[in-house]
């Protein structure tokens, strides 16, 4: 899965804090940011975020070089 999404985010002091994202015409509030990490590819450094919204984990990807967000994975918290 690599679906483009819109993310409402606070960028402050070099930190990225995603608050909400829009997926399938639904606005999902991020309850918890559980983990974040960086990867590097030919486009540069990419930022990954593992977040909880309700009873699901979501893996979000931000590619700064093109200012785009993607949803990579969805998984139930209860699996």
PDB file of N, CA and C in Angstrom:
ATOM      1  N   UNK A   1       0.860  -1.172   0.000  1.00  0.00           N
ATOM      2  CA  UNK A   1       0.000   0.000   0.000  1.00  0.00           C
ATOM      3  C   UNK A   1       0.904   1.231   0.000  1.00  0.00           C
ATOM      4  N   UNK A   2       0.621   2.178  -0.838  1.00  0.00           N
ATOM      5  CA  UNK A   2       1.291   3.486  -0.808  1.00  0.00           C
ATOM      6  C   UNK A   2       0.286   4.495  -1.345  1.00  0.00           C
ATOM      7  N   UNK A   3      -0.611   4.917  -0.456  1.00  0.00           N
ATOM      8  CA  UNK A   3      -1.677   5.828  -0.848  1.00  0.00           C
ATOM      9  C   UNK A   3      -1.345   7.253  -0.443  1.00  0.00           C
ATOM     10  N   UNK A   4      -1.464   8.198  -1.373  1.00  0.00           N
ATOM     11  CA  UNK A   4      -1.257   9.602  -1.001  1.00  0.00           C
ATOM     12  C   UNK A   4      -2.324  10.040  -0.001  1.00  0.00           C
ATOM     13  N   UNK A   5      -1.905  10.797   1.007  1.00  0.00           N
ATOM     14  CA  UNK A   5      -2.828  11.323   2.012  1.00  0.00           C
ATOM     15  C   UNK A   5      -2.476  12.775   2.292  1.00  0.00           C
ATOM     16  N   UNK A   6      -3.390  13.465   2.933  1.00  0.00           N
ATOM     17  CA  UNK A   6      -3.137  14.821   3.417  1.00  0.00           C
ATOM     18  C   UNK A   6      -2.969  14.742   4.923  1.00  0.00           C
ATOM     19  N   UNK A   7      -1.967  15.465   5.443  1.00  0.00           N
ATOM     20  CA  UNK A   7      -1.680  15.424   6.874  1.00  0.00           C
ATOM     21  C   UNK A   7      -1.623  16.844   7.420  1.00  0.00           C
ATOM     22  N   UNK A   8      -2.336  17.074   8.513  1.00  0.00           N
ATOM     23  CA  UNK A   8      -2.262  18.349   9.229  1.00  0.00           C
ATOM     24  C   UNK A   8      -1.127  18.175  10.230  1.00  0.00           C
ATOM     25  N   UNK A   9      -0.102  19.010  10.084  1.00  0.00           N
ATOM     26  CA  UNK A   9       1.151  18.806  10.798  1.00  0.00           C
ATOM     27  C   UNK A   9       1.674  20.109  11.368  1.00  0.00           C
ATOM     28  N   UNK A  10       2.349  20.016  12.505  1.00  0.00           N
ATOM     29  CA  UNK A  10       3.098  21.150  13.042  1.00  0.00           C
ATOM     30  C   UNK A  10       4.578  20.886  12.776  1.00  0.00           C
ATOM     31  N   UNK A  11       5.221  21.811  12.079  1.00  0.00           N
ATOM     32  CA  UNK A  11       6.663  21.772  11.865  1.00  0.00           C
ATOM     33  C   UNK A  11       7.262  22.828  12.787  1.00  0.00           C
ATOM     34  N   UNK A  12       8.070  22.403  13.764  1.00  0.00           N
ATOM     35  CA  UNK A  12       8.618  23.348  14.736  1.00  0.00           C
ATOM     36  C   UNK A  12       9.986  22.878  15.226  1.00  0.00           C
ATOM     37  N   UNK A  13      10.951  23.764  15.187  1.00  0.00           N
ATOM     38  CA  UNK A  13      12.307  23.471  15.689  1.00  0.00           C
ATOM     39  C   UNK A  13      12.879  22.180  15.112  1.00  0.00           C
ATOM     40  N   UNK A  14      12.680  21.954  13.817  1.00  0.00           N
ATOM     41  CA  UNK A  14      13.208  20.766  13.166  1.00  0.00           C
ATOM     42  C   UNK A  14      12.434  19.491  13.448  1.00  0.00           C
ATOM     43  N   UNK A  15      11.354  19.591  14.192  1.00  0.00           N
ATOM     44  CA  UNK A  15      10.534  18.422  14.511  1.00  0.00           C
ATOM     45  C   UNK A  15       9.257  18.437  13.685  1.00  0.00           C
ATOM     46  N   UNK A  16       8.754  17.247  13.391  1.00  0.00           N
ATOM     47  CA  UNK A  16       7.512  17.086  12.642  1.00  0.00           C
ATOM     48  C   UNK A  16       6.510  16.413  13.570  1.00  0.00           C
ATOM     49  N   UNK A  17       5.370  17.065  13.777  1.00  0.00           N
ATOM     50  CA  UNK A  17       4.347  16.540  14.678  1.00  0.00           C
ATOM     51  C   UNK A  17       3.017  16.415  13.938  1.00  0.00           C
ATOM     52  N   UNK A  18       2.729  15.230  13.359  1.00  0.00           N
ATOM     53  CA  UNK A  18       1.450  15.048  12.667  1.00  0.00           C
ATOM     54  C   UNK A  18       0.290  15.003  13.664  1.00  0.00           C
ATOM     55  N   UNK A  19      -0.787  15.728  13.357  1.00  0.00           N
ATOM     56  CA  UNK A  19      -1.943  15.810  14.253  1.00  0.00           C
ATOM     57  C   UNK A  19      -3.151  15.033  13.738  1.00  0.00           C
ATOM     58  N   UNK A  20      -3.434  15.178  12.460  1.00  0.00           N
ATOM     59  CA  UNK A  20      -4.573  14.534  11.798  1.00  0.00           C
ATOM     60  C   UNK A  20      -4.129  14.121  10.403  1.00  0.00           C
ATOM     61  N   UNK A  21      -4.846  13.167   9.818  1.00  0.00           N
ATOM     62  CA  UNK A  21      -4.654  12.917   8.394  1.00  0.00           C
ATOM     63  C   UNK A  21      -5.988  12.572   7.754  1.00  0.00           C
ATOM     64  N   UNK A  22      -6.052  12.810   6.458  1.00  0.00           N
ATOM     65  CA  UNK A  22      -7.274  12.561   5.691  1.00  0.00           C
ATOM     66  C   UNK A  22      -7.011  11.380   4.772  1.00  0.00           C
ATOM     67  N   UNK A  23      -7.835  10.344   4.942  1.00  0.00           N
ATOM     68  CA  UNK A  23      -7.716   9.122   4.160  1.00  0.00           C
ATOM     69  C   UNK A  23      -9.122   8.628   3.845  1.00  0.00           C
ATOM     70  N   UNK A  24      -9.377   8.333   2.588  1.00  0.00           N
ATOM     71  CA  UNK A  24     -10.708   7.881   2.145  1.00  0.00           C
ATOM     72  C   UNK A  24     -11.811   8.846   2.579  1.00  0.00           C
ATOM     73  N   UNK A  25     -11.553  10.132   2.426  1.00  0.00           N
ATOM     74  CA  UNK A  25     -12.508  11.195   2.769  1.00  0.00           C
ATOM     75  C   UNK A  25     -12.878  11.223   4.250  1.00  0.00           C
ATOM     76  N   UNK A  26     -12.012  10.680   5.106  1.00  0.00           N
ATOM     77  CA  UNK A  26     -12.232  10.728   6.552  1.00  0.00           C
ATOM     78  C   UNK A  26     -11.062  11.445   7.208  1.00  0.00           C
ATOM     79  N   UNK A  27     -11.370  12.281   8.173  1.00  0.00           N
ATOM     80  CA  UNK A  27     -10.336  12.966   8.948  1.00  0.00           C
ATOM     81  C   UNK A  27     -10.078  12.150  10.213  1.00  0.00           C
ATOM     82  N   UNK A  28      -8.859  11.642  10.352  1.00  0.00           N
ATOM     83  CA  UNK A  28      -8.498  10.794  11.480  1.00  0.00           C
ATOM     84  C   UNK A  28      -7.559  11.542  12.414  1.00  0.00           C
ATOM     85  N   UNK A  29      -7.952  11.637  13.680  1.00  0.00           N
ATOM     86  CA  UNK A  29      -7.126  12.301  14.686  1.00  0.00           C
ATOM     87  C   UNK A  29      -6.067  11.327  15.182  1.00  0.00           C
ATOM     88  N   UNK A  30      -4.829  11.781  15.200  1.00  0.00           N
ATOM     89  CA  UNK A  30      -3.738  10.956  15.702  1.00  0.00           C
ATOM     90  C   UNK A  30      -3.748  11.035  17.225  1.00  0.00           C
ATOM     91  N   UNK A  31      -4.049   9.901  17.852  1.00  0.00           N
ATOM     92  CA  UNK A  31      -4.106   9.841  19.314  1.00  0.00           C
ATOM     93  C   UNK A  31      -2.712   9.744  19.922  1.00  0.00           C
ATOM     94  N   UNK A  32      -1.857   8.924  19.298  1.00  0.00           N
ATOM     95  CA  UNK A  32      -0.524   8.680  19.838  1.00  0.00           C
ATOM     96  C   UNK A  32       0.485   8.519  18.710  1.00  0.00           C
ATOM     97  N   UNK A  33       1.608   9.184  18.843  1.00  0.00           N
ATOM     98  CA  UNK A  33       2.753   8.963  17.961  1.00  0.00           C
ATOM     99  C   UNK A  33       3.628   7.946  18.681  1.00  0.00           C
ATOM    100  N   UNK A  34       3.660   6.699  18.180  1.00  0.00           N
ATOM    101  CA  UNK A  34       4.348   5.633  18.910  1.00  0.00           C
ATOM    102  C   UNK A  34       5.824   5.534  18.567  1.00  0.00           C
ATOM    103  N   UNK A  35       6.191   5.882  17.332  1.00  0.00           N
ATOM    104  CA  UNK A  35       7.582   5.730  16.916  1.00  0.00           C
ATOM    105  C   UNK A  35       7.798   6.542  15.653  1.00  0.00           C
ATOM    106  N   UNK A  36       9.020   7.042  15.487  1.00  0.00           N
ATOM    107  CA  UNK A  36       9.378   7.707  14.236  1.00  0.00           C
ATOM    108  C   UNK A  36      10.822   7.379  13.900  1.00  0.00           C
ATOM    109  N   UNK A  37      11.105   7.302  12.591  1.00  0.00           N
ATOM    110  CA  UNK A  37      12.450   6.969  12.146  1.00  0.00           C
ATOM    111  C   UNK A  37      12.684   7.562  10.765  1.00  0.00           C
ATOM    112  N   UNK A  38      13.945   7.506  10.329  1.00  0.00           N
ATOM    113  CA  UNK A  38      14.338   8.058   9.038  1.00  0.00           C
ATOM    114  C   UNK A  38      14.904   6.951   8.164  1.00  0.00           C
ATOM    115  N   UNK A  39      14.667   7.084   6.854  1.00  0.00           N
ATOM    116  CA  UNK A  39      15.319   6.233   5.868  1.00  0.00           C
ATOM    117  C   UNK A  39      15.890   7.143   4.794  1.00  0.00           C
ATOM    118  N   UNK A  40      16.830   6.607   4.025  1.00  0.00           N
ATOM    119  CA  UNK A  40      17.468   7.386   2.965  1.00  0.00           C
ATOM    120  C   UNK A  40      17.305   6.628   1.654  1.00  0.00           C
ATOM    121  N   UNK A  41      16.921   7.358   0.601  1.00  0.00           N
ATOM    122  CA  UNK A  41      16.882   6.791  -0.740  1.00  0.00           C
ATOM    123  C   UNK A  41      17.439   7.825  -1.715  1.00  0.00           C
ATOM    124  N   UNK A  42      17.237   7.597  -3.002  1.00  0.00           N
ATOM    125  CA  UNK A  42      17.796   8.499  -4.016  1.00  0.00           C
ATOM    126  C   UNK A  42      17.232   9.920  -3.930  1.00  0.00           C
ATOM    127  N   UNK A  43      16.075  10.094  -3.300  1.00  0.00           N
ATOM    128  CA  UNK A  43      15.473  11.426  -3.162  1.00  0.00           C
ATOM    129  C   UNK A  43      15.932  12.141  -1.897  1.00  0.00           C
ATOM    130  N   UNK A  44      16.622  11.428  -1.003  1.00  0.00           N
ATOM    131  CA  UNK A  44      17.097  12.037   0.233  1.00  0.00           C
ATOM    132  C   UNK A  44      16.563  11.326   1.458  1.00  0.00           C
ATOM    133  N   UNK A  45      16.471  12.072   2.546  1.00  0.00           N
ATOM    134  CA  UNK A  45      16.010  11.521   3.822  1.00  0.00           C
ATOM    135  C   UNK A  45      14.484  11.562   3.878  1.00  0.00           C
ATOM    136  N   UNK A  46      13.887  10.436   4.207  1.00  0.00           N
ATOM    137  CA  UNK A  46      12.434  10.335   4.358  1.00  0.00           C
ATOM    138  C   UNK A  46      12.103  10.087   5.821  1.00  0.00           C
ATOM    139  N   UNK A  47      10.939  10.546   6.246  1.00  0.00           N
ATOM    140  CA  UNK A  47      10.523  10.418   7.647  1.00  0.00           C
ATOM    141  C   UNK A  47       9.336   9.470   7.747  1.00  0.00           C
ATOM    142  N   UNK A  48       9.423   8.526   8.658  1.00  0.00           N
ATOM    143  CA  UNK A  48       8.365   7.550   8.890  1.00  0.00           C
ATOM    144  C   UNK A  48       7.773   7.771  10.275  1.00  0.00           C
ATOM    145  N   UNK A  49       6.467   7.541  10.388  1.00  0.00           N
ATOM    146  CA  UNK A  49       5.760   7.734  11.648  1.00  0.00           C
ATOM    147  C   UNK A  49       4.815   6.566  11.866  1.00  0.00           C
ATOM    148  N   UNK A  50       4.890   5.968  13.031  1.00  0.00           N
ATOM    149  CA  UNK A  50       3.923   4.959  13.447  1.00  0.00           C
ATOM    150  C   UNK A  50       2.982   5.656  14.421  1.00  0.00           C
ATOM    151  N   UNK A  51       1.699   5.677  14.077  1.00  0.00           N
ATOM    152  CA  UNK A  51       0.728   6.410  14.891  1.00  0.00           C
ATOM    153  C   UNK A  51      -0.471   5.518  15.209  1.00  0.00           C
ATOM    154  N   UNK A  52      -1.172   5.880  16.284  1.00  0.00           N
ATOM    155  CA  UNK A  52      -2.418   5.197  16.636  1.00  0.00           C
ATOM    156  C   UNK A  52      -3.560   6.186  16.507  1.00  0.00           C
ATOM    157  N   UNK A  53      -4.608   5.744  15.806  1.00  0.00           N
ATOM    158  CA  UNK A  53      -5.866   6.486  15.686  1.00  0.00           C
ATOM    159  C   UNK A  53      -6.961   5.492  16.042  1.00  0.00           C
ATOM    160  N   UNK A  54      -7.624   5.723  17.165  1.00  0.00           N
ATOM    161  CA  UNK A  54      -8.652   4.773  17.583  1.00  0.00           C
ATOM    162  C   UNK A  54      -8.032   3.427  17.870  1.00  0.00           C
ATOM    163  N   UNK A  55      -8.495   2.388  17.187  1.00  0.00           N
ATOM    164  CA  UNK A  55      -7.990   1.034  17.430  1.00  0.00           C
ATOM    165  C   UNK A  55      -7.115   0.515  16.287  1.00  0.00           C
ATOM    166  N   UNK A  56      -6.464   1.438  15.570  1.00  0.00           N
ATOM    167  CA  UNK A  56      -5.602   1.041  14.460  1.00  0.00           C
ATOM    168  C   UNK A  56      -4.253   1.741  14.516  1.00  0.00           C
ATOM    169  N   UNK A  57      -3.218   0.987  14.121  1.00  0.00           N
ATOM    170  CA  UNK A  57      -1.895   1.554  13.870  1.00  0.00           C
ATOM    171  C   UNK A  57      -1.839   1.962  12.407  1.00  0.00           C
ATOM    172  N   UNK A  58      -1.186   3.081  12.133  1.00  0.00           N
ATOM    173  CA  UNK A  58      -0.974   3.545  10.765  1.00  0.00           C
ATOM    174  C   UNK A  58       0.503   3.867  10.594  1.00  0.00           C
ATOM    175  N   UNK A  59       1.051   3.480   9.465  1.00  0.00           N
ATOM    176  CA  UNK A  59       2.434   3.798   9.124  1.00  0.00           C
ATOM    177  C   UNK A  59       2.381   4.899   8.068  1.00  0.00           C
ATOM    178  N   UNK A  60       2.821   6.101   8.463  1.00  0.00           N
ATOM    179  CA  UNK A  60       2.818   7.255   7.570  1.00  0.00           C
ATOM    180  C   UNK A  60       4.233   7.532   7.093  1.00  0.00           C
ATOM    181  N   UNK A  61       4.351   7.971   5.858  1.00  0.00           N
ATOM    182  CA  UNK A  61       5.643   8.334   5.271  1.00  0.00           C
ATOM    183  C   UNK A  61       5.576   9.763   4.774  1.00  0.00           C
ATOM    184  N   UNK A  62       6.563  10.566   5.159  1.00  0.00           N
ATOM    185  CA  UNK A  62       6.695  11.933   4.650  1.00  0.00           C
ATOM    186  C   UNK A  62       7.980  12.014   3.838  1.00  0.00           C
ATOM    187  N   UNK A  63       7.870  12.488   2.587  1.00  0.00           N
ATOM    188  CA  UNK A  63       9.025  12.671   1.712  1.00  0.00           C
ATOM    189  C   UNK A  63       9.253  14.172   1.559  1.00  0.00           C
ATOM    190  N   UNK A  64      10.184  14.734   2.325  1.00  0.00           N
ATOM    191  CA  UNK A  64      10.391  16.189   2.312  1.00  0.00           C
ATOM    192  C   UNK A  64      10.787  16.759   0.947  1.00  0.00           C
ATOM    193  N   UNK A  65      11.526  15.998   0.153  1.00  0.00           N
ATOM    194  CA  UNK A  65      12.002  16.523  -1.134  1.00  0.00           C
ATOM    195  C   UNK A  65      10.861  16.860  -2.090  1.00  0.00           C
ATOM    196  N   UNK A  66       9.703  16.228  -1.895  1.00  0.00           N
ATOM    197  CA  UNK A  66       8.541  16.527  -2.745  1.00  0.00           C
ATOM    198  C   UNK A  66       7.339  16.992  -1.919  1.00  0.00           C
ATOM    199  N   UNK A  67       7.550  17.152  -0.615  1.00  0.00           N
ATOM    200  CA  UNK A  67       6.493  17.600   0.317  1.00  0.00           C
ATOM    201  C   UNK A  67       5.214  16.775   0.186  1.00  0.00           C
ATOM    202  N   UNK A  68       5.369  15.443   0.218  1.00  0.00           N
ATOM    203  CA  UNK A  68       4.221  14.541   0.073  1.00  0.00           C
ATOM    204  C   UNK A  68       4.165  13.548   1.227  1.00  0.00           C
ATOM    205  N   UNK A  69       2.931  13.234   1.620  1.00  0.00           N
ATOM    206  CA  UNK A  69       2.658  12.233   2.647  1.00  0.00           C
ATOM    207  C   UNK A  69       2.000  11.016   2.005  1.00  0.00           C
ATOM    208  N   UNK A  70       2.316   9.830   2.544  1.00  0.00           N
ATOM    209  CA  UNK A  70       1.715   8.586   2.072  1.00  0.00           C
ATOM    210  C   UNK A  70       1.341   7.709   3.266  1.00  0.00           C
ATOM    211  N   UNK A  71       0.290   6.946   3.091  1.00  0.00           N
ATOM    212  CA  UNK A  71      -0.079   5.906   4.039  1.00  0.00           C
ATOM    213  C   UNK A  71       0.484   4.600   3.496  1.00  0.00           C
ATOM    214  N   UNK A  72       1.328   3.940   4.293  1.00  0.00           N
ATOM    215  CA  UNK A  72       1.968   2.710   3.835  1.00  0.00           C
ATOM    216  C   UNK A  72       1.323   1.445   4.392  1.00  0.00           C
ATOM    217  N   UNK A  73       0.747   1.546   5.591  1.00  0.00           N
ATOM    218  CA  UNK A  73       0.252   0.332   6.232  1.00  0.00           C
ATOM    219  C   UNK A  73      -0.800   0.666   7.284  1.00  0.00           C
ATOM    220  N   UNK A  74      -1.765  -0.222   7.431  1.00  0.00           N
ATOM    221  CA  UNK A  74      -2.796  -0.114   8.469  1.00  0.00           C
ATOM    222  C   UNK A  74      -2.891  -1.474   9.147  1.00  0.00           C
ATOM    223  N   UNK A  75      -2.946  -1.453  10.479  1.00  0.00           N
ATOM    224  CA  UNK A  75      -3.027  -2.708  11.228  1.00  0.00           C
ATOM    225  C   UNK A  75      -3.838  -2.484  12.495  1.00  0.00           C
ATOM    226  N   UNK A  76      -4.665  -3.443  12.839  1.00  0.00           N
ATOM    227  CA  UNK A  76      -5.458  -3.350  14.060  1.00  0.00           C
ATOM    228  C   UNK A  76      -4.556  -3.424  15.286  1.00  0.00           C
ATOM    229  N   UNK A  77      -4.859  -2.639  16.287  1.00  0.00           N
ATOM    230  CA  UNK A  77      -4.112  -2.662  17.546  1.00  0.00           C
ATOM    231  C   UNK A  77      -4.278  -4.017  18.228  1.00  0.00           C
ATOM    232  N   UNK A  78      -5.372  -4.699  17.956  1.00  0.00           N
ATOM    233  CA  UNK A  78      -5.714  -5.931  18.660  1.00  0.00           C
ATOM    234  C   UNK A  78      -5.243  -7.203  17.974  1.00  0.00           C
ATOM    235  N   UNK A  79      -4.374  -7.111  16.961  1.00  0.00           N
ATOM    236  CA  UNK A  79      -3.907  -8.342  16.300  1.00  0.00           C
ATOM    237  C   UNK A  79      -2.745  -8.958  17.016  1.00  0.00           C
TER     238      UNK A  79
END
